[in-house]
Protein backbone atom coordinates (compact mmCIF):
# COMPACT_ATOMS: atom_id res chain seq x y z
CA MET A 1 0.11 0.08 -0.14
CA PRO A 2 1.34 3.26 -0.80
CA ASP A 3 2.51 5.63 1.80
CA ARG A 4 0.24 8.35 2.51
CA ARG A 5 3.18 10.95 2.35
CA ASP A 6 3.68 9.87 -1.38
CA ARG A 7 -0.04 10.96 -2.16
CA ARG A 8 -0.55 14.13 -4.09
CA ARG A 9 -1.09 17.14 -2.10
CA MET A 10 -3.85 19.58 -3.32
CA GLN A 11 -5.09 22.55 -2.13
CA ARG A 12 -8.62 24.01 -3.13
CA LEU A 13 -10.24 27.22 -3.00
CA GLY A 14 -14.13 27.53 -2.43
CA ALA A 15 -16.52 29.90 -1.76
CA TYR A 16 -19.61 29.22 -0.35
CA ALA A 17 -22.78 31.09 0.69
CA VAL A 18 -25.19 30.54 4.12
CA VAL A 19 -28.49 31.53 3.41
CA VAL A 20 -31.09 31.57 5.95
CA ARG A 21 -34.73 32.22 6.11
CA ASP A 22 -37.63 31.85 8.03
CA GLY A 23 -35.82 28.95 10.19
CA ALA A 24 -34.57 27.66 7.15
CA VAL A 25 -31.15 27.12 5.82
CA LEU A 26 -30.45 26.60 1.67
CA LEU A 27 -28.56 23.44 1.31
CA THR A 28 -27.37 21.18 -1.75
CA ARG A 29 -26.91 17.53 -1.65
CA LEU A 30 -23.38 15.92 -2.96
CA SER A 31 -24.00 13.75 -5.87
CA SER A 32 -22.82 10.25 -6.20
CA ARG A 33 -19.69 11.87 -7.89
CA VAL A 34 -18.82 12.73 -4.15
CA SER A 35 -20.25 11.05 -1.89
CA ARG A 36 -21.89 7.80 -1.90
CA ALA A 37 -24.23 8.37 1.47
CA GLU A 38 -26.82 11.11 1.34
CA VAL A 39 -24.92 14.47 2.52
CA TRP A 40 -26.13 17.97 2.38
CA THR A 41 -24.02 21.02 2.13
CA LEU A 42 -23.92 24.65 1.65
CA PRO A 43 -24.06 25.83 -1.98
CA GLY A 44 -21.17 26.78 -3.69
CA GLY A 45 -17.63 25.49 -5.02
CA GLY A 46 -14.26 26.16 -6.36
CA VAL A 47 -13.13 29.59 -7.23
CA ASP A 48 -11.79 29.74 -10.81
CA HIS A 49 -8.36 31.01 -11.85
CA GLY A 50 -8.42 34.72 -11.62
CA GLU A 51 -12.38 34.76 -10.67
CA ASP A 52 -13.29 36.85 -7.45
CA PRO A 53 -14.49 34.66 -4.86
CA ARG A 54 -17.64 36.79 -4.48
CA ASP A 55 -18.60 36.33 -8.17
CA ALA A 56 -17.81 32.74 -7.58
CA VAL A 57 -20.11 31.88 -4.92
CA VAL A 58 -22.90 34.10 -6.84
CA ARG A 59 -22.08 31.68 -10.00
CA GLU A 60 -21.98 28.45 -7.77
CA VAL A 61 -25.86 29.23 -5.58
CA ARG A 62 -27.08 29.81 -9.62
CA GLU A 63 -25.70 26.23 -10.84
CA GLU A 64 -26.54 24.44 -7.99
CA THR A 65 -30.06 26.05 -6.52
CA GLY A 66 -31.11 28.23 -9.98
CA LEU A 67 -31.23 30.86 -7.25
CA ASP A 68 -29.68 34.82 -7.79
CA VAL A 69 -27.87 35.29 -4.57
CA THR A 70 -26.62 38.22 -2.77
CA VAL A 71 -23.55 38.00 -1.04
CA GLY A 72 -22.35 40.54 1.96
CA ALA A 73 -18.57 41.91 1.28
CA THR A 74 -16.76 40.12 3.75
CA ALA A 75 -16.48 36.00 4.41
CA ARG A 76 -15.32 33.92 7.41
CA VAL A 77 -12.48 31.53 6.62
CA HIS A 78 -13.13 27.61 7.65
CA THR A 79 -10.47 25.17 6.45
CA GLY A 80 -10.47 21.51 6.49
CA ARG A 81 -7.89 18.78 5.45
CA ARG A 82 -8.63 15.06 3.93
CA PRO A 83 -5.83 13.34 3.86
CA ASP A 84 -7.44 10.27 2.62
CA ALA A 85 -9.91 11.81 -0.22
CA ARG A 86 -10.82 10.18 -3.28
CA TRP A 87 -10.29 12.84 -6.70
CA ASN A 88 -10.98 11.27 -9.94
CA GLY A 89 -10.34 8.00 -9.09
CA ARG A 90 -6.81 8.71 -7.14
CA ARG A 91 -6.26 8.66 -3.45
CA VAL A 92 -5.06 12.13 -2.87
CA ASP A 93 -4.24 14.58 0.48
CA VAL A 94 -6.47 17.70 0.11
CA HIS A 95 -6.22 20.73 2.05
CA SER A 96 -9.66 22.86 1.85
CA VAL A 97 -9.80 26.79 2.35
CA ARG A 98 -13.37 28.06 2.46
CA LEU A 99 -14.60 31.71 2.22
CA VAL A 100 -18.05 31.49 3.70
CA TYR A 101 -20.17 34.55 2.81
CA ASP A 102 -23.49 35.56 4.54
CA GLY A 103 -26.05 35.51 1.42
CA HIS A 104 -29.66 36.06 1.07
CA VAL A 105 -32.18 35.67 -2.15
CA PRO A 106 -34.92 37.43 -3.15
CA VAL A 107 -38.51 36.93 -0.88
CA ASP A 108 -40.22 36.12 -4.10
CA ALA A 109 -37.49 33.66 -5.24
CA PRO A 110 -38.80 30.52 -6.54
CA ALA A 111 -38.07 26.93 -5.23
CA PRO A 112 -34.44 25.87 -5.73
CA ARG A 113 -33.69 23.32 -8.15
CA VAL A 114 -30.41 22.19 -9.80
CA VAL A 115 -29.51 23.80 -12.87
CA GLU A 116 -25.64 22.32 -13.55
CA VAL A 117 -26.02 18.80 -15.34
CA GLY A 118 -23.44 16.14 -14.32
CA GLY A 119 -21.83 18.29 -11.73
CA THR A 120 -21.29 17.27 -7.91
CA THR A 121 -24.95 18.30 -7.02
CA ALA A 122 -27.89 16.37 -6.70
CA ASP A 123 -30.63 18.45 -5.04
CA ALA A 124 -31.60 21.54 -3.66
CA ARG A 125 -33.58 22.41 -1.14
CA TRP A 126 -34.58 24.25 2.35
CA TRP A 127 -33.81 22.50 5.57
CA PRO A 128 -35.06 23.71 8.63
CA VAL A 129 -32.11 24.83 11.28
CA ALA A 130 -33.78 22.73 13.99
CA ASP A 131 -33.65 19.74 11.86
CA VAL A 132 -29.97 20.25 10.71
CA ALA A 133 -28.79 20.92 14.51
CA ALA A 134 -30.91 18.10 15.79
CA GLY A 135 -28.55 15.86 13.69
CA ARG A 136 -31.77 14.95 11.15
CA VAL A 137 -30.05 16.11 8.23
CA PRO A 138 -26.89 14.70 7.45
CA VAL A 139 -24.70 17.42 6.44
CA THR A 140 -20.97 18.06 6.19
CA PRO A 141 -19.04 19.66 8.96
CA LEU A 142 -18.95 22.60 7.30
CA VAL A 143 -22.60 23.35 7.60
CA SER A 144 -22.22 22.52 11.52
CA GLU A 145 -19.30 24.67 11.66
CA VAL A 146 -20.90 27.74 10.09
CA LEU A 147 -24.56 27.59 11.83
CA ALA A 148 -22.80 27.49 15.05
CA THR A 149 -21.83 30.62 14.35
CA HIS A 150 -24.15 32.37 12.08
CA ARG A 151 -26.06 35.54 13.41
CA PRO A 152 -28.95 37.35 11.22
CA PHE A 153 -27.87 40.75 10.18
CA ARG A 154 -27.91 43.56 12.50
CA MET A 155 -29.32 47.04 11.20
CA GLN A 156 -30.35 49.51 12.82
CA ARG A 157 -32.20 53.11 11.34
CA THR A 158 -33.45 56.27 12.67
CA ALA A 159 -36.74 57.02 10.90
CA ALA A 160 -38.79 60.05 10.92
CA TYR A 161 -42.86 60.08 10.88
CA ALA A 162 -44.95 63.03 10.75
CA LEU A 163 -48.57 63.22 12.51
CA VAL A 164 -50.36 65.10 10.29
CA VAL A 165 -54.50 65.39 11.66
CA ARG A 166 -57.21 67.70 10.30
CA GLY A 167 -60.55 68.45 11.46
CA GLY A 168 -62.23 68.66 15.03
CA PRO A 169 -63.27 66.68 18.10
CA ASP A 170 -65.96 64.59 16.24
CA ASP A 171 -64.89 64.79 12.58
CA GLY A 172 -60.91 64.38 12.99
CA ALA A 173 -58.98 62.19 10.80
CA VAL A 174 -55.36 61.25 10.50
CA LEU A 175 -53.50 60.92 7.35
CA LEU A 176 -51.86 57.40 7.28
CA THR A 177 -50.43 55.14 4.49
CA ARG A 178 -50.49 51.05 4.57
CA VAL A 179 -47.46 49.23 4.74
CA SER A 180 -46.98 46.83 1.31
CA SER A 181 -45.62 43.76 0.94
CA SER A 182 -42.46 45.10 0.45
CA GLY A 183 -41.77 46.17 4.28
CA PHE A 184 -42.39 44.72 7.65
CA HIS A 185 -45.99 44.68 9.24
CA THR A 186 -47.66 44.62 5.67
CA GLY A 187 -51.38 45.63 5.65
CA LEU A 188 -51.20 47.61 8.96
CA TRP A 189 -52.01 51.59 8.45
CA THR A 190 -48.92 53.88 9.60
CA LEU A 191 -47.80 57.18 9.45
CA PRO A 192 -46.18 58.79 6.72
CA GLY A 193 -42.55 58.64 7.10
CA GLY A 194 -39.07 56.32 6.77
CA GLY A 195 -35.43 56.52 7.42
CA VAL A 196 -33.27 59.94 7.79
CA GLU A 197 -31.05 60.00 5.12
CA HIS A 198 -27.21 60.55 5.91
CA GLY A 199 -26.84 64.21 6.64
CA GLU A 200 -30.50 65.07 6.63
CA ALA A 201 -32.24 66.73 9.26
CA PRO A 202 -35.16 64.59 10.94
CA ALA A 203 -37.69 67.32 9.97
CA ALA A 204 -36.29 67.81 6.32
CA ALA A 205 -36.54 63.78 6.24
CA ALA A 206 -40.52 63.52 7.70
CA ALA A 207 -41.40 66.31 4.96
CA ARG A 208 -39.71 64.26 2.08
CA GLU A 209 -41.33 61.01 3.17
CA VAL A 210 -44.56 62.54 3.46
CA ARG A 211 -44.11 63.81 -0.27
CA GLU A 212 -43.17 60.42 -1.80
CA GLU A 213 -46.03 58.40 0.02
CA THR A 214 -48.82 60.77 -0.29
CA GLY A 215 -48.01 63.49 -2.69
CA LEU A 216 -48.85 66.18 0.06
CA GLU A 217 -47.02 69.03 0.93
CA VAL A 218 -46.50 69.32 4.77
CA GLU A 219 -45.03 71.91 7.11
CA VAL A 220 -43.07 70.02 10.17
CA GLY A 221 -42.83 71.34 13.58
CA ARG A 222 -41.42 69.72 16.89
CA VAL A 223 -40.45 66.04 17.81
CA LEU A 224 -43.48 64.99 19.28
CA HIS A 225 -42.72 61.63 20.20
CA VAL A 226 -39.85 59.05 20.50
CA GLY A 227 -39.97 55.15 20.04
CA ASP A 228 -38.27 52.30 18.87
CA GLU A 229 -39.00 48.79 17.46
CA SER A 230 -36.89 45.45 17.45
CA ILE A 231 -37.89 43.38 14.47
CA ARG A 232 -36.38 39.66 14.05
CA GLY A 233 -37.28 38.07 10.55
CA VAL A 234 -37.01 38.66 6.86
CA ALA A 235 -36.41 41.96 5.37
CA PRO A 236 -37.88 43.18 1.94
CA ASN A 237 -34.74 42.12 -0.02
CA GLY A 238 -35.06 38.56 1.87
CA ARG A 239 -32.26 38.98 4.11
CA ASP A 240 -32.40 37.56 7.58
CA GLU A 241 -32.25 40.41 9.84
CA GLU A 242 -32.48 41.98 13.11
CA PHE A 243 -33.91 44.61 13.03
CA HIS A 244 -33.91 48.36 15.34
CA ALA A 245 -36.19 50.94 14.33
CA ILE A 246 -35.61 54.28 16.00
CA GLN A 247 -38.81 56.36 15.43
CA LEU A 248 -39.31 60.01 15.50
CA VAL A 249 -42.76 61.20 15.03
CA LEU A 250 -43.04 64.91 14.42
CA VAL A 251 -45.94 67.08 14.45
CA ALA A 252 -46.83 68.45 11.02
CA THR A 253 -49.72 70.27 9.36
CA VAL A 254 -50.81 70.03 5.28
CA ALA A 255 -49.08 73.25 3.73
CA PRO A 256 -51.50 75.91 2.06
CA GLY A 257 -50.46 74.36 -1.38
CA SER A 258 -51.80 71.04 -0.57
CA VAL A 259 -55.00 71.55 2.08
CA ASP A 260 -57.24 70.81 -1.27
CA ALA A 261 -55.53 68.04 -2.70
CA GLU A 262 -56.43 64.29 -2.29
CA PRO A 263 -53.71 62.15 -1.13
CA VAL A 264 -51.96 59.99 -3.86
CA ALA A 265 -49.85 56.43 -2.83
CA GLU A 266 -46.32 55.56 -4.01
CA VAL A 267 -46.24 53.09 -6.77
CA GLY A 268 -43.69 50.35 -5.79
CA GLY A 269 -42.78 51.26 -2.30
CA THR A 270 -43.04 49.96 0.91
CA SER A 271 -46.57 51.69 1.14
CA ASP A 272 -49.56 50.82 -1.31
CA ALA A 273 -52.24 52.95 -0.14
CA VAL A 274 -52.89 56.33 1.80
CA ALA A 275 -56.33 57.95 3.15
CA TRP A 276 -57.24 60.22 5.77
CA ILE A 277 -58.43 57.64 8.64
CA PRO A 278 -61.29 58.82 10.95
CA LEU A 279 -59.60 59.11 14.58
CA ALA A 280 -62.88 57.24 15.91
CA ALA A 281 -61.79 54.26 13.41
CA VAL A 282 -58.58 54.01 15.07
CA ALA A 283 -59.51 54.15 18.35
CA ASP A 284 -61.99 51.77 18.58
CA GLY A 285 -59.64 49.13 16.52
CA SER A 286 -61.90 48.85 13.33
CA VAL A 287 -58.75 50.03 11.15
CA PRO A 288 -55.58 47.70 11.85
CA VAL A 289 -53.15 50.48 12.61
CA HIS A 290 -49.12 50.03 14.13
CA PRO A 291 -49.08 50.59 17.62
CA LEU A 292 -46.89 53.95 16.60
CA VAL A 293 -49.96 55.79 15.71
CA ALA A 294 -51.63 55.27 18.85
CA ALA A 295 -48.35 56.30 20.95
CA ALA A 296 -48.17 59.35 18.61
CA LEU A 297 -52.05 60.55 18.87
CA ALA A 298 -51.54 59.84 22.77
CA ALA A 299 -48.73 62.01 22.82
CA ALA A 300 -50.79 64.77 21.56
CA PRO A 301 -53.02 66.03 24.24
CA ASP A 302 -54.27 69.06 22.06
CA ARG A 303 -55.24 66.92 19.27
CA PRO A 304 -58.75 65.86 18.75
């Protein structure tokens, strides 16, 4: 029997993506060319000569799952050695260097399917992370290592909202927008507003967001309420996130030029409808609203 020290030594650079969504992880099953037993691993593969690793993982995920993945700018490095591996019918000593990127796919992405023909991948699917952790899915050591340290993407955003109320105590209404399927809290009505851009004053951000989401011009006044919200879930772009929102609510009034104008909803954004909602409908719960609406109205005792 040949001495292991005489075996050909190989070093391989691979790029992989860990894609987690709704408690499931995207995995691919190794074909019989690679493993006789059923084994699942992360989508990815070898980096070609001269290829950027981020381009390589996008290419590999598309070939192995049919999905278009977006990956982060940085990767974690995992290494492993198989001194008794089989490669093209020979026994070789393989040292693998694996770059693992956090990735996400669109929320409306189709079910995964293998695109490449005759390759190293036999199947692709979403597996519950709990089943993988419990050992109910046969996986490579790389999968276990990555999931043990994987954390959702952390994002913190400061947003400015406008509380715009018209009418008196008996016929008062508040200007609200409805959250579309592109945002968290789909279907709830909330205050018009959104993220404060870098270098932008919160008052200017609130006025801009009202204009974009309702078509109305408003005059923004003082800060009325400061709230915050933490959300763990799938972001509109498909990324698994821990999202922390800091919410600034400012008092606003409709500008003279928009007093007689009807609000018009934005197209293709995080809101899909806009309306003057009667305060009575907010109070009795007949219109489902985000908690921020009630908090803002409660902080404005001078309002009807």
